[in-house]
């Protein structure tokens, strides 16, 4: 926000915020504008810090983030065995309701 205001000021343009009664053509308006920008940035940084604290606490409690695996370990072994026997990828996709990329990812994990 402050960079945009500086770019405008360099071009000779003053910023006027009508509903806040801020005019950057005078010192008081620039002070208010910069204070509001600083408070906004402070709130954003505090929110990010709280979010990181919450994520850390959740991980400490054992919460796992991200998508759950589509297949169990037994299903992965079965999928790899079927592919080794020559089952087509499109048939595996239909049987396990997975995308082609996911099938290949499971097969690549074993080096198949």
PDB file of N, CA and C in Angstrom:
ATOM      1  N   UNK A   1       0.828  -1.177   0.000  1.00  0.00           N
ATOM      2  CA  UNK A   1       0.000   0.000   0.000  1.00  0.00           C
ATOM      3  C   UNK A   1       0.879   1.250   0.000  1.00  0.00           C
ATOM      4  N   UNK A   2       1.898   1.235   0.834  1.00  0.00           N
ATOM      5  CA  UNK A   2       2.785   2.393   0.894  1.00  0.00           C
ATOM      6  C   UNK A   2       3.583   2.551  -0.396  1.00  0.00           C
ATOM      7  N   UNK A   3       3.935   1.437  -1.036  1.00  0.00           N
ATOM      8  CA  UNK A   3       4.661   1.509  -2.307  1.00  0.00           C
ATOM      9  C   UNK A   3       3.785   2.122  -3.393  1.00  0.00           C
ATOM     10  N   UNK A   4       2.511   1.768  -3.394  1.00  0.00           N
ATOM     11  CA  UNK A   4       1.581   2.343  -4.371  1.00  0.00           C
ATOM     12  C   UNK A   4       1.457   3.845  -4.132  1.00  0.00           C
ATOM     13  N   UNK A   5       1.335   4.233  -2.862  1.00  0.00           N
ATOM     14  CA  UNK A   5       1.225   5.659  -2.532  1.00  0.00           C
ATOM     15  C   UNK A   5       2.490   6.407  -2.952  1.00  0.00           C
ATOM     16  N   UNK A   6       3.666   5.790  -2.772  1.00  0.00           N
ATOM     17  CA  UNK A   6       4.924   6.429  -3.173  1.00  0.00           C
ATOM     18  C   UNK A   6       4.979   6.588  -4.685  1.00  0.00           C
ATOM     19  N   UNK A   7       4.559   5.556  -5.417  1.00  0.00           N
ATOM     20  CA  UNK A   7       4.537   5.630  -6.880  1.00  0.00           C
ATOM     21  C   UNK A   7       3.615   6.755  -7.338  1.00  0.00           C
ATOM     22  N   UNK A   8       2.449   6.849  -6.698  1.00  0.00           N
ATOM     23  CA  UNK A   8       1.532   7.939  -7.042  1.00  0.00           C
ATOM     24  C   UNK A   8       2.138   9.298  -6.716  1.00  0.00           C
ATOM     25  N   UNK A   9       2.789   9.403  -5.544  1.00  0.00           N
ATOM     26  CA  UNK A   9       3.399  10.673  -5.131  1.00  0.00           C
ATOM     27  C   UNK A   9       4.503  11.065  -6.107  1.00  0.00           C
ATOM     28  N   UNK A  10       5.306  10.065  -6.578  1.00  0.00           N
ATOM     29  CA  UNK A  10       6.369  10.352  -7.550  1.00  0.00           C
ATOM     30  C   UNK A  10       5.803  10.866  -8.869  1.00  0.00           C
ATOM     31  N   UNK A  11       4.566  10.490  -9.163  1.00  0.00           N
ATOM     32  CA  UNK A  11       3.911  10.951 -10.386  1.00  0.00           C
ATOM     33  C   UNK A  11       3.135  12.244 -10.167  1.00  0.00           C
ATOM     34  N   UNK A  12       3.220  12.763  -8.936  1.00  0.00           N
ATOM     35  CA  UNK A  12       2.534  14.015  -8.639  1.00  0.00           C
ATOM     36  C   UNK A  12       1.066  13.851  -8.313  1.00  0.00           C
ATOM     37  N   UNK A  13       0.669  12.668  -7.902  1.00  0.00           N
ATOM     38  CA  UNK A  13      -0.734  12.393  -7.592  1.00  0.00           C
ATOM     39  C   UNK A  13      -0.873  12.251  -6.078  1.00  0.00           C
ATOM     40  N   UNK A  14      -1.868  12.915  -5.515  1.00  0.00           N
ATOM     41  CA  UNK A  14      -2.165  12.767  -4.091  1.00  0.00           C
ATOM     42  C   UNK A  14      -3.343  11.820  -3.935  1.00  0.00           C
ATOM     43  N   UNK A  15      -3.323  11.063  -2.859  1.00  0.00           N
ATOM     44  CA  UNK A  15      -4.380  10.095  -2.584  1.00  0.00           C
ATOM     45  C   UNK A  15      -5.359  10.718  -1.596  1.00  0.00           C
ATOM     46  N   UNK A  16      -6.642  10.626  -1.914  1.00  0.00           N
ATOM     47  CA  UNK A  16      -7.689  11.126  -1.034  1.00  0.00           C
ATOM     48  C   UNK A  16      -8.644   9.966  -0.752  1.00  0.00           C
ATOM     49  N   UNK A  17      -8.765   9.614   0.543  1.00  0.00           N
ATOM     50  CA  UNK A  17      -9.697   8.574   0.956  1.00  0.00           C
ATOM     51  C   UNK A  17     -10.924   9.290   1.505  1.00  0.00           C
ATOM     52  N   UNK A  18     -12.018   9.219   0.779  1.00  0.00           N
ATOM     53  CA  UNK A  18     -13.188  10.018   1.106  1.00  0.00           C
ATOM     54  C   UNK A  18     -13.864   9.587   2.405  1.00  0.00           C
ATOM     55  N   UNK A  19     -14.053   8.265   2.598  1.00  0.00           N
ATOM     56  CA  UNK A  19     -14.795   7.831   3.785  1.00  0.00           C
ATOM     57  C   UNK A  19     -13.953   7.878   5.057  1.00  0.00           C
ATOM     58  N   UNK A  20     -12.641   8.035   4.942  1.00  0.00           N
ATOM     59  CA  UNK A  20     -11.759   8.125   6.112  1.00  0.00           C
ATOM     60  C   UNK A  20     -11.244   9.551   6.333  1.00  0.00           C
ATOM     61  N   UNK A  21     -11.567  10.447   5.403  1.00  0.00           N
ATOM     62  CA  UNK A  21     -11.110  11.839   5.481  1.00  0.00           C
ATOM     63  C   UNK A  21      -9.587  11.923   5.554  1.00  0.00           C
ATOM     64  N   UNK A  22      -8.924  11.161   4.676  1.00  0.00           N
ATOM     65  CA  UNK A  22      -7.458  11.171   4.598  1.00  0.00           C
ATOM     66  C   UNK A  22      -7.066  11.771   3.262  1.00  0.00           C
ATOM     67  N   UNK A  23      -6.152  12.747   3.314  1.00  0.00           N
ATOM     68  CA  UNK A  23      -5.638  13.395   2.109  1.00  0.00           C
ATOM     69  C   UNK A  23      -4.122  13.412   2.213  1.00  0.00           C
ATOM     70  N   UNK A  24      -3.437  12.691   1.319  1.00  0.00           N
ATOM     71  CA  UNK A  24      -1.981  12.573   1.417  1.00  0.00           C
ATOM     72  C   UNK A  24      -1.235  13.789   0.879  1.00  0.00           C
ATOM     73  N   UNK A  25      -1.972  14.846   0.558  1.00  0.00           N
ATOM     74  CA  UNK A  25      -1.289  16.056   0.102  1.00  0.00           C
ATOM     75  C   UNK A  25      -0.746  16.876   1.270  1.00  0.00           C
ATOM     76  N   UNK A  26      -1.191  16.554   2.505  1.00  0.00           N
ATOM     77  CA  UNK A  26      -0.645  17.262   3.671  1.00  0.00           C
ATOM     78  C   UNK A  26      -0.024  16.259   4.648  1.00  0.00           C
ATOM     79  N   UNK A  27       0.725  16.774   5.600  1.00  0.00           N
ATOM     80  CA  UNK A  27       1.476  15.941   6.536  1.00  0.00           C
ATOM     81  C   UNK A  27       0.561  15.074   7.399  1.00  0.00           C
ATOM     82  N   UNK A  28      -0.550  15.636   7.845  1.00  0.00           N
ATOM     83  CA  UNK A  28      -1.476  14.883   8.696  1.00  0.00           C
ATOM     84  C   UNK A  28      -2.078  13.705   7.929  1.00  0.00           C
ATOM     85  N   UNK A  29      -2.452  13.916   6.698  1.00  0.00           N
ATOM     86  CA  UNK A  29      -3.018  12.850   5.872  1.00  0.00           C
ATOM     87  C   UNK A  29      -2.013  11.741   5.619  1.00  0.00           C
ATOM     88  N   UNK A  30      -0.748  12.143   5.332  1.00  0.00           N
ATOM     89  CA  UNK A  30       0.300  11.128   5.127  1.00  0.00           C
ATOM     90  C   UNK A  30       0.545  10.337   6.403  1.00  0.00           C
ATOM     91  N   UNK A  31       0.525  11.014   7.560  1.00  0.00           N
ATOM     92  CA  UNK A  31       0.715  10.326   8.842  1.00  0.00           C
ATOM     93  C   UNK A  31      -0.398   9.300   9.067  1.00  0.00           C
ATOM     94  N   UNK A  32      -1.642   9.711   8.893  1.00  0.00           N
ATOM     95  CA  UNK A  32      -2.770   8.785   9.081  1.00  0.00           C
ATOM     96  C   UNK A  32      -2.698   7.606   8.109  1.00  0.00           C
ATOM     97  N   UNK A  33      -2.388   7.897   6.859  1.00  0.00           N
ATOM     98  CA  UNK A  33      -2.296   6.861   5.841  1.00  0.00           C
ATOM     99  C   UNK A  33      -1.219   5.832   6.212  1.00  0.00           C
ATOM    100  N   UNK A  34      -0.055   6.327   6.610  1.00  0.00           N
ATOM    101  CA  UNK A  34       1.045   5.423   6.971  1.00  0.00           C
ATOM    102  C   UNK A  34       0.738   4.652   8.262  1.00  0.00           C
ATOM    103  N   UNK A  35       0.047   5.303   9.212  1.00  0.00           N
ATOM    104  CA  UNK A  35      -0.322   4.604  10.441  1.00  0.00           C
ATOM    105  C   UNK A  35      -1.303   3.464  10.146  1.00  0.00           C
ATOM    106  N   UNK A  36      -2.294   3.737   9.299  1.00  0.00           N
ATOM    107  CA  UNK A  36      -3.248   2.690   8.932  1.00  0.00           C
ATOM    108  C   UNK A  36      -2.553   1.538   8.208  1.00  0.00           C
ATOM    109  N   UNK A  37      -1.616   1.872   7.344  1.00  0.00           N
ATOM    110  CA  UNK A  37      -0.849   0.835   6.649  1.00  0.00           C
ATOM    111  C   UNK A  37      -0.027   0.008   7.612  1.00  0.00           C
ATOM    112  N   UNK A  38       0.622   0.667   8.578  1.00  0.00           N
ATOM    113  CA  UNK A  38       1.438  -0.044   9.560  1.00  0.00           C
ATOM    114  C   UNK A  38       0.578  -0.946  10.441  1.00  0.00           C
ATOM    115  N   UNK A  39      -0.579  -0.445  10.848  1.00  0.00           N
ATOM    116  CA  UNK A  39      -1.487  -1.257  11.677  1.00  0.00           C
ATOM    117  C   UNK A  39      -1.981  -2.466  10.881  1.00  0.00           C
ATOM    118  N   UNK A  40      -2.292  -2.270   9.627  1.00  0.00           N
ATOM    119  CA  UNK A  40      -2.730  -3.378   8.776  1.00  0.00           C
ATOM    120  C   UNK A  40      -1.644  -4.437   8.633  1.00  0.00           C
ATOM    121  N   UNK A  41      -0.412  -4.008   8.422  1.00  0.00           N
ATOM    122  CA  UNK A  41       0.703  -4.957   8.304  1.00  0.00           C
ATOM    123  C   UNK A  41       0.927  -5.680   9.633  1.00  0.00           C
ATOM    124  N   UNK A  42       0.838  -4.959  10.728  1.00  0.00           N
ATOM    125  CA  UNK A  42       0.993  -5.566  12.059  1.00  0.00           C
ATOM    126  C   UNK A  42      -0.056  -6.660  12.270  1.00  0.00           C
ATOM    127  N   UNK A  43      -1.303  -6.358  11.938  1.00  0.00           N
ATOM    128  CA  UNK A  43      -2.379  -7.351  12.100  1.00  0.00           C
ATOM    129  C   UNK A  43      -2.120  -8.580  11.243  1.00  0.00           C
ATOM    130  N   UNK A  44      -1.639  -8.382  10.027  1.00  0.00           N
ATOM    131  CA  UNK A  44      -1.340  -9.504   9.144  1.00  0.00           C
ATOM    132  C   UNK A  44      -0.235 -10.380   9.722  1.00  0.00           C
ATOM    133  N   UNK A  45       0.805  -9.750  10.262  1.00  0.00           N
ATOM    134  CA  UNK A  45       1.912 -10.513  10.841  1.00  0.00           C
ATOM    135  C   UNK A  45       1.488 -11.251  12.113  1.00  0.00           C
ATOM    136  N   UNK A  46       0.662 -10.616  12.937  1.00  0.00           N
ATOM    137  CA  UNK A  46       0.158 -11.271  14.148  1.00  0.00           C
ATOM    138  C   UNK A  46      -0.706 -12.474  13.777  1.00  0.00           C
ATOM    139  N   UNK A  47      -1.567 -12.300  12.771  1.00  0.00           N
ATOM    140  CA  UNK A  47      -2.434 -13.392  12.319  1.00  0.00           C
ATOM    141  C   UNK A  47      -1.591 -14.565  11.807  1.00  0.00           C
ATOM    142  N   UNK A  48      -0.545 -14.275  11.056  1.00  0.00           N
ATOM    143  CA  UNK A  48       0.327 -15.338  10.537  1.00  0.00           C
ATOM    144  C   UNK A  48       1.037 -16.057  11.680  1.00  0.00           C
ATOM    145  N   UNK A  49       1.491 -15.309  12.686  1.00  0.00           N
ATOM    146  CA  UNK A  49       2.168 -15.932  13.831  1.00  0.00           C
ATOM    147  C   UNK A  49       1.209 -16.822  14.605  1.00  0.00           C
ATOM    148  N   UNK A  50      -0.021 -16.361  14.801  1.00  0.00           N
ATOM    149  CA  UNK A  50      -1.021 -17.176  15.498  1.00  0.00           C
ATOM    150  C   UNK A  50      -1.348 -18.438  14.709  1.00  0.00           C
ATOM    151  N   UNK A  51      -1.429 -18.295  13.409  1.00  0.00           N
ATOM    152  CA  UNK A  51      -1.713 -19.453  12.568  1.00  0.00           C
ATOM    153  C   UNK A  51      -0.588 -20.478  12.683  1.00  0.00           C
ATOM    154  N   UNK A  52       0.656 -20.025  12.648  1.00  0.00           N
ATOM    155  CA  UNK A  52       1.792 -20.947  12.778  1.00  0.00           C
ATOM    156  C   UNK A  52       1.799 -21.612  14.151  1.00  0.00           C
ATOM    157  N   UNK A  53       1.447 -20.863  15.199  1.00  0.00           N
ATOM    158  CA  UNK A  53       1.345 -21.453  16.538  1.00  0.00           C
ATOM    159  C   UNK A  53       0.266 -22.535  16.568  1.00  0.00           C
ATOM    160  N   UNK A  54      -0.872 -22.255  15.953  1.00  0.00           N
ATOM    161  CA  UNK A  54      -1.956 -23.224  15.904  1.00  0.00           C
ATOM    162  C   UNK A  54      -1.565 -24.482  15.145  1.00  0.00           C
ATOM    163  N   UNK A  55      -0.856 -24.322  14.043  1.00  0.00           N
ATOM    164  CA  UNK A  55      -0.395 -25.473  13.267  1.00  0.00           C
ATOM    165  C   UNK A  55       0.587 -26.299  14.080  1.00  0.00           C
ATOM    166  N   UNK A  56       1.509 -25.629  14.774  1.00  0.00           N
ATOM    167  CA  UNK A  56       2.490 -26.347  15.602  1.00  0.00           C
ATOM    168  C   UNK A  56       1.797 -27.127  16.716  1.00  0.00           C
ATOM    169  N   UNK A  57       0.831 -26.492  17.386  1.00  0.00           N
ATOM    170  CA  UNK A  57       0.102 -27.178  18.460  1.00  0.00           C
ATOM    171  C   UNK A  57      -0.669 -28.381  17.922  1.00  0.00           C
ATOM    172  N   UNK A  58      -1.274 -28.215  16.753  1.00  0.00           N
ATOM    173  CA  UNK A  58      -2.016 -29.325  16.161  1.00  0.00           C
ATOM    174  C   UNK A  58      -1.083 -30.475  15.809  1.00  0.00           C
ATOM    175  N   UNK A  59       0.083 -30.168  15.261  1.00  0.00           N
ATOM    176  CA  UNK A  59       1.051 -31.214  14.933  1.00  0.00           C
ATOM    177  C   UNK A  59       1.551 -31.914  16.188  1.00  0.00           C
ATOM    178  N   UNK A  60       1.745 -31.143  17.270  1.00  0.00           N
ATOM    179  CA  UNK A  60       2.170 -31.737  18.537  1.00  0.00           C
ATOM    180  C   UNK A  60       1.117 -32.711  19.068  1.00  0.00           C
ATOM    181  N   UNK A  61      -0.161 -32.431  18.772  1.00  0.00           N
ATOM    182  CA  UNK A  61      -1.251 -33.324  19.191  1.00  0.00           C
ATOM    183  C   UNK A  61      -1.413 -34.505  18.245  1.00  0.00           C
ATOM    184  N   UNK A  62      -0.643 -34.530  17.166  1.00  0.00           N
ATOM    185  CA  UNK A  62      -0.697 -35.652  16.240  1.00  0.00           C
ATOM    186  C   UNK A  62      -1.595 -35.452  15.039  1.00  0.00           C
ATOM    187  N   UNK A  63      -2.108 -34.252  14.854  1.00  0.00           N
ATOM    188  CA  UNK A  63      -2.959 -33.980  13.692  1.00  0.00           C
ATOM    189  C   UNK A  63      -2.092 -34.005  12.443  1.00  0.00           C
ATOM    190  N   UNK A  64      -2.554 -34.714  11.427  1.00  0.00           N
ATOM    191  CA  UNK A  64      -1.815 -34.776  10.171  1.00  0.00           C
ATOM    192  C   UNK A  64      -2.505 -33.887   9.153  1.00  0.00           C
ATOM    193  N   UNK A  65      -1.724 -33.102   8.451  1.00  0.00           N
ATOM    194  CA  UNK A  65      -2.245 -32.184   7.452  1.00  0.00           C
ATOM    195  C   UNK A  65      -2.083 -32.798   6.071  1.00  0.00           C
ATOM    196  N   UNK A  66      -2.886 -32.340   5.149  1.00  0.00           N
ATOM    197  CA  UNK A  66      -2.804 -32.811   3.778  1.00  0.00           C
ATOM    198  C   UNK A  66      -3.835 -33.887   3.494  1.00  0.00           C
ATOM    199  N   UNK A  67      -3.851 -34.276   2.256  1.00  0.00           N
ATOM    200  CA  UNK A  67      -4.822 -35.271   1.813  1.00  0.00           C
ATOM    201  C   UNK A  67      -4.439 -36.642   2.353  1.00  0.00           C
ATOM    202  N   UNK A  68      -5.448 -37.387   2.751  1.00  0.00           N
ATOM    203  CA  UNK A  68      -5.212 -38.753   3.228  1.00  0.00           C
ATOM    204  C   UNK A  68      -4.851 -39.648   2.042  1.00  0.00           C
ATOM    205  N   UNK A  69      -4.026 -40.660   2.271  1.00  0.00           N
ATOM    206  CA  UNK A  69      -3.703 -41.577   1.170  1.00  0.00           C
ATOM    207  C   UNK A  69      -4.971 -42.242   0.633  1.00  0.00           C
ATOM    208  N   UNK A  70      -5.024 -42.405  -0.669  1.00  0.00           N
ATOM    209  CA  UNK A  70      -6.204 -42.993  -1.304  1.00  0.00           C
ATOM    210  C   UNK A  70      -6.279 -44.493  -1.068  1.00  0.00           C
ATOM    211  N   UNK A  71      -5.125 -45.128  -0.900  1.00  0.00           N
ATOM    212  CA  UNK A  71      -5.087 -46.575  -0.732  1.00  0.00           C
ATOM    213  C   UNK A  71      -4.376 -46.961   0.559  1.00  0.00           C
ATOM    214  N   UNK A  72      -4.779 -48.093   1.107  1.00  0.00           N
ATOM    215  CA  UNK A  72      -4.079 -48.639   2.266  1.00  0.00           C
ATOM    216  C   UNK A  72      -2.813 -49.335   1.780  1.00  0.00           C
ATOM    217  N   UNK A  73      -1.945 -49.710   2.710  1.00  0.00           N
ATOM    218  CA  UNK A  73      -0.715 -50.409   2.339  1.00  0.00           C
ATOM    219  C   UNK A  73      -1.028 -51.727   1.625  1.00  0.00           C
ATOM    220  N   UNK A  74      -2.042 -52.439   2.104  1.00  0.00           N
ATOM    221  CA  UNK A  74      -2.428 -53.699   1.467  1.00  0.00           C
ATOM    222  C   UNK A  74      -2.932 -53.473   0.042  1.00  0.00           C
ATOM    223  N   UNK A  75      -3.688 -52.411  -0.152  1.00  0.00           N
ATOM    224  CA  UNK A  75      -4.194 -52.102  -1.488  1.00  0.00           C
ATOM    225  C   UNK A  75      -3.055 -51.730  -2.430  1.00  0.00           C
ATOM    226  N   UNK A  76      -2.049 -51.055  -1.911  1.00  0.00           N
ATOM    227  CA  UNK A  76      -0.899 -50.680  -2.745  1.00  0.00           C
ATOM    228  C   UNK A  76      -0.155 -51.929  -3.196  1.00  0.00           C
ATOM    229  N   UNK A  77       0.050 -52.858  -2.278  1.00  0.00           N
ATOM    230  CA  UNK A  77       0.716 -54.115  -2.630  1.00  0.00           C
ATOM    231  C   UNK A  77      -0.101 -54.854  -3.687  1.00  0.00           C
ATOM    232  N   UNK A  78      -1.410 -54.879  -3.507  1.00  0.00           N
ATOM    233  CA  UNK A  78      -2.299 -55.542  -4.460  1.00  0.00           C
ATOM    234  C   UNK A  78      -2.247 -54.855  -5.819  1.00  0.00           C
ATOM    235  N   UNK A  79      -2.268 -53.533  -5.843  1.00  0.00           N
ATOM    236  CA  UNK A  79      -2.193 -52.769  -7.086  1.00  0.00           C
ATOM    237  C   UNK A  79      -0.910 -53.092  -7.839  1.00  0.00           C
ATOM    238  N   UNK A  80       0.211 -53.111  -7.129  1.00  0.00           N
ATOM    239  CA  UNK A  80       1.504 -53.387  -7.766  1.00  0.00           C
ATOM    240  C   UNK A  80       1.558 -54.820  -8.302  1.00  0.00           C
ATOM    241  N   UNK A  81       0.973 -55.745  -7.569  1.00  0.00           N
ATOM    242  CA  UNK A  81       0.957 -57.134  -8.022  1.00  0.00           C
ATOM    243  C   UNK A  81       0.111 -57.272  -9.286  1.00  0.00           C
ATOM    244  N   UNK A  82      -1.031 -56.606  -9.317  1.00  0.00           N
ATOM    245  CA  UNK A  82      -1.890 -56.664 -10.501  1.00  0.00           C
ATOM    246  C   UNK A  82      -1.187 -56.071 -11.710  1.00  0.00           C
ATOM    247  N   UNK A  83      -0.496 -54.967 -11.505  1.00  0.00           N
ATOM    248  CA  UNK A  83       0.227 -54.341 -12.614  1.00  0.00           C
ATOM    249  C   UNK A  83       1.354 -55.252 -13.091  1.00  0.00           C
ATOM    250  N   UNK A  84       2.028 -55.906 -12.151  1.00  0.00           N
ATOM    251  CA  UNK A  84       3.109 -56.828 -12.514  1.00  0.00           C
ATOM    252  C   UNK A  84       2.569 -58.002 -13.331  1.00  0.00           C
ATOM    253  N   UNK A  85       1.325 -58.388 -13.092  1.00  0.00           N
ATOM    254  CA  UNK A  85       0.688 -59.474 -13.845  1.00  0.00           C
ATOM    255  C   UNK A  85       0.152 -58.991 -15.190  1.00  0.00           C
ATOM    256  N   UNK A  86       0.270 -57.693 -15.466  1.00  0.00           N
ATOM    257  CA  UNK A  86      -0.116 -57.176 -16.774  1.00  0.00           C
ATOM    258  C   UNK A  86      -1.447 -56.454 -16.837  1.00  0.00           C
ATOM    259  N   UNK A  87      -2.070 -56.184 -15.695  1.00  0.00           N
ATOM    260  CA  UNK A  87      -3.336 -55.446 -15.709  1.00  0.00           C
ATOM    261  C   UNK A  87      -3.093 -54.050 -16.278  1.00  0.00           C
ATOM    262  N   UNK A  88      -3.980 -53.634 -17.164  1.00  0.00           N
ATOM    263  CA  UNK A  88      -3.841 -52.327 -17.810  1.00  0.00           C
ATOM    264  C   UNK A  88      -4.072 -51.198 -16.801  1.00  0.00           C
ATOM    265  N   UNK A  89      -3.387 -50.086 -17.045  1.00  0.00           N
ATOM    266  CA  UNK A  89      -3.521 -48.910 -16.172  1.00  0.00           C
ATOM    267  C   UNK A  89      -4.978 -48.445 -16.131  1.00  0.00           C
ATOM    268  N   UNK A  90      -5.646 -48.429 -17.288  1.00  0.00           N
ATOM    269  CA  UNK A  90      -7.039 -47.953 -17.307  1.00  0.00           C
ATOM    270  C   UNK A  90      -7.943 -48.852 -16.463  1.00  0.00           C
ATOM    271  N   UNK A  91      -7.632 -50.158 -16.417  1.00  0.00           N
ATOM    272  CA  UNK A  91      -8.417 -51.061 -15.581  1.00  0.00           C
ATOM    273  C   UNK A  91      -8.152 -50.812 -14.098  1.00  0.00           C
ATOM    274  N   UNK A  92      -6.890 -50.523 -13.763  1.00  0.00           N
ATOM    275  CA  UNK A  92      -6.558 -50.189 -12.373  1.00  0.00           C
ATOM    276  C   UNK A  92      -7.223 -48.878 -11.956  1.00  0.00           C
ATOM    277  N   UNK A  93      -7.265 -47.928 -12.890  1.00  0.00           N
ATOM    278  CA  UNK A  93      -7.906 -46.645 -12.608  1.00  0.00           C
ATOM    279  C   UNK A  93      -9.379 -46.854 -12.269  1.00  0.00           C
ATOM    280  N   UNK A  94     -10.035 -47.693 -13.042  1.00  0.00           N
ATOM    281  CA  UNK A  94     -11.460 -47.940 -12.818  1.00  0.00           C
ATOM    282  C   UNK A  94     -11.690 -48.710 -11.521  1.00  0.00           C
ATOM    283  N   UNK A  95     -10.860 -49.707 -11.264  1.00  0.00           N
ATOM    284  CA  UNK A  95     -11.045 -50.540 -10.073  1.00  0.00           C
ATOM    285  C   UNK A  95     -10.835 -49.766  -8.778  1.00  0.00           C
ATOM    286  N   UNK A  96      -9.805 -48.913  -8.763  1.00  0.00           N
ATOM    287  CA  UNK A  96      -9.473 -48.192  -7.529  1.00  0.00           C
ATOM    288  C   UNK A  96     -10.014 -46.766  -7.496  1.00  0.00           C
ATOM    289  N   UNK A  97     -10.672 -46.351  -8.581  1.00  0.00           N
ATOM    290  CA  UNK A  97     -11.226 -44.987  -8.693  1.00  0.00           C
ATOM    291  C   UNK A  97     -10.156 -43.929  -8.462  1.00  0.00           C
ATOM    292  N   UNK A  98      -9.049 -44.106  -9.162  1.00  0.00           N
ATOM    293  CA  UNK A  98      -7.924 -43.178  -9.045  1.00  0.00           C
ATOM    294  C   UNK A  98      -7.571 -42.640 -10.425  1.00  0.00           C
ATOM    295  N   UNK A  99      -6.892 -41.505 -10.444  1.00  0.00           N
ATOM    296  CA  UNK A  99      -6.432 -40.941 -11.706  1.00  0.00           C
ATOM    297  C   UNK A  99      -5.202 -41.701 -12.198  1.00  0.00           C
ATOM    298  N   UNK A 100      -4.896 -41.494 -13.460  1.00  0.00           N
ATOM    299  CA  UNK A 100      -3.726 -42.138 -14.050  1.00  0.00           C
ATOM    300  C   UNK A 100      -2.454 -41.713 -13.315  1.00  0.00           C
ATOM    301  N   UNK A 101      -2.363 -40.426 -12.995  1.00  0.00           N
ATOM    302  CA  UNK A 101      -1.177 -39.917 -12.311  1.00  0.00           C
ATOM    303  C   UNK A 101      -1.001 -40.575 -10.947  1.00  0.00           C
ATOM    304  N   UNK A 102      -2.104 -40.784 -10.225  1.00  0.00           N
ATOM    305  CA  UNK A 102      -2.026 -41.399  -8.899  1.00  0.00           C
ATOM    306  C   UNK A 102      -1.604 -42.860  -9.016  1.00  0.00           C
ATOM    307  N   UNK A 103      -2.133 -43.565  -9.986  1.00  0.00           N
ATOM    308  CA  UNK A 103      -1.732 -44.958 -10.208  1.00  0.00           C
ATOM    309  C   UNK A 103      -0.232 -45.024 -10.470  1.00  0.00           C
ATOM    310  N   UNK A 104       0.242 -44.198 -11.383  1.00  0.00           N
ATOM    311  CA  UNK A 104       1.671 -44.197 -11.700  1.00  0.00           C
ATOM    312  C   UNK A 104       2.516 -43.806 -10.488  1.00  0.00           C
ATOM    313  N   UNK A 105       2.012 -42.887  -9.669  1.00  0.00           N
ATOM    314  CA  UNK A 105       2.749 -42.477  -8.475  1.00  0.00           C
ATOM    315  C   UNK A 105       2.910 -43.664  -7.510  1.00  0.00           C
ATOM    316  N   UNK A 106       1.815 -44.415  -7.294  1.00  0.00           N
ATOM    317  CA  UNK A 106       1.905 -45.588  -6.425  1.00  0.00           C
ATOM    318  C   UNK A 106       2.845 -46.634  -7.013  1.00  0.00           C
ATOM    319  N   UNK A 107       2.824 -46.807  -8.316  1.00  0.00           N
ATOM    320  CA  UNK A 107       3.707 -47.788  -8.926  1.00  0.00           C
ATOM    321  C   UNK A 107       5.163 -47.345  -8.865  1.00  0.00           C
ATOM    322  N   UNK A 108       5.417 -46.051  -9.009  1.00  0.00           N
ATOM    323  CA  UNK A 108       6.790 -45.541  -8.989  1.00  0.00           C
ATOM    324  C   UNK A 108       7.413 -45.632  -7.611  1.00  0.00           C
ATOM    325  N   UNK A 109       6.616 -45.560  -6.573  1.00  0.00           N
ATOM    326  CA  UNK A 109       7.156 -45.623  -5.217  1.00  0.00           C
ATOM    327  C   UNK A 109       7.874 -46.944  -4.948  1.00  0.00           C
ATOM    328  N   UNK A 110       7.468 -47.995  -5.653  1.00  0.00           N
ATOM    329  CA  UNK A 110       8.104 -49.292  -5.453  1.00  0.00           C
ATOM    330  C   UNK A 110       9.219 -49.522  -6.456  1.00  0.00           C
ATOM    331  N   UNK A 111       9.346 -48.598  -7.419  1.00  0.00           N
ATOM    332  CA  UNK A 111      10.347 -48.785  -8.453  1.00  0.00           C
ATOM    333  C   UNK A 111       9.830 -49.617  -9.620  1.00  0.00           C
ATOM    334  N   UNK A 112       8.518 -49.854  -9.663  1.00  0.00           N
ATOM    335  CA  UNK A 112       7.924 -50.675 -10.723  1.00  0.00           C
ATOM    336  C   UNK A 112       7.897 -49.924 -12.037  1.00  0.00           C
TER     337      UNK A 112
END
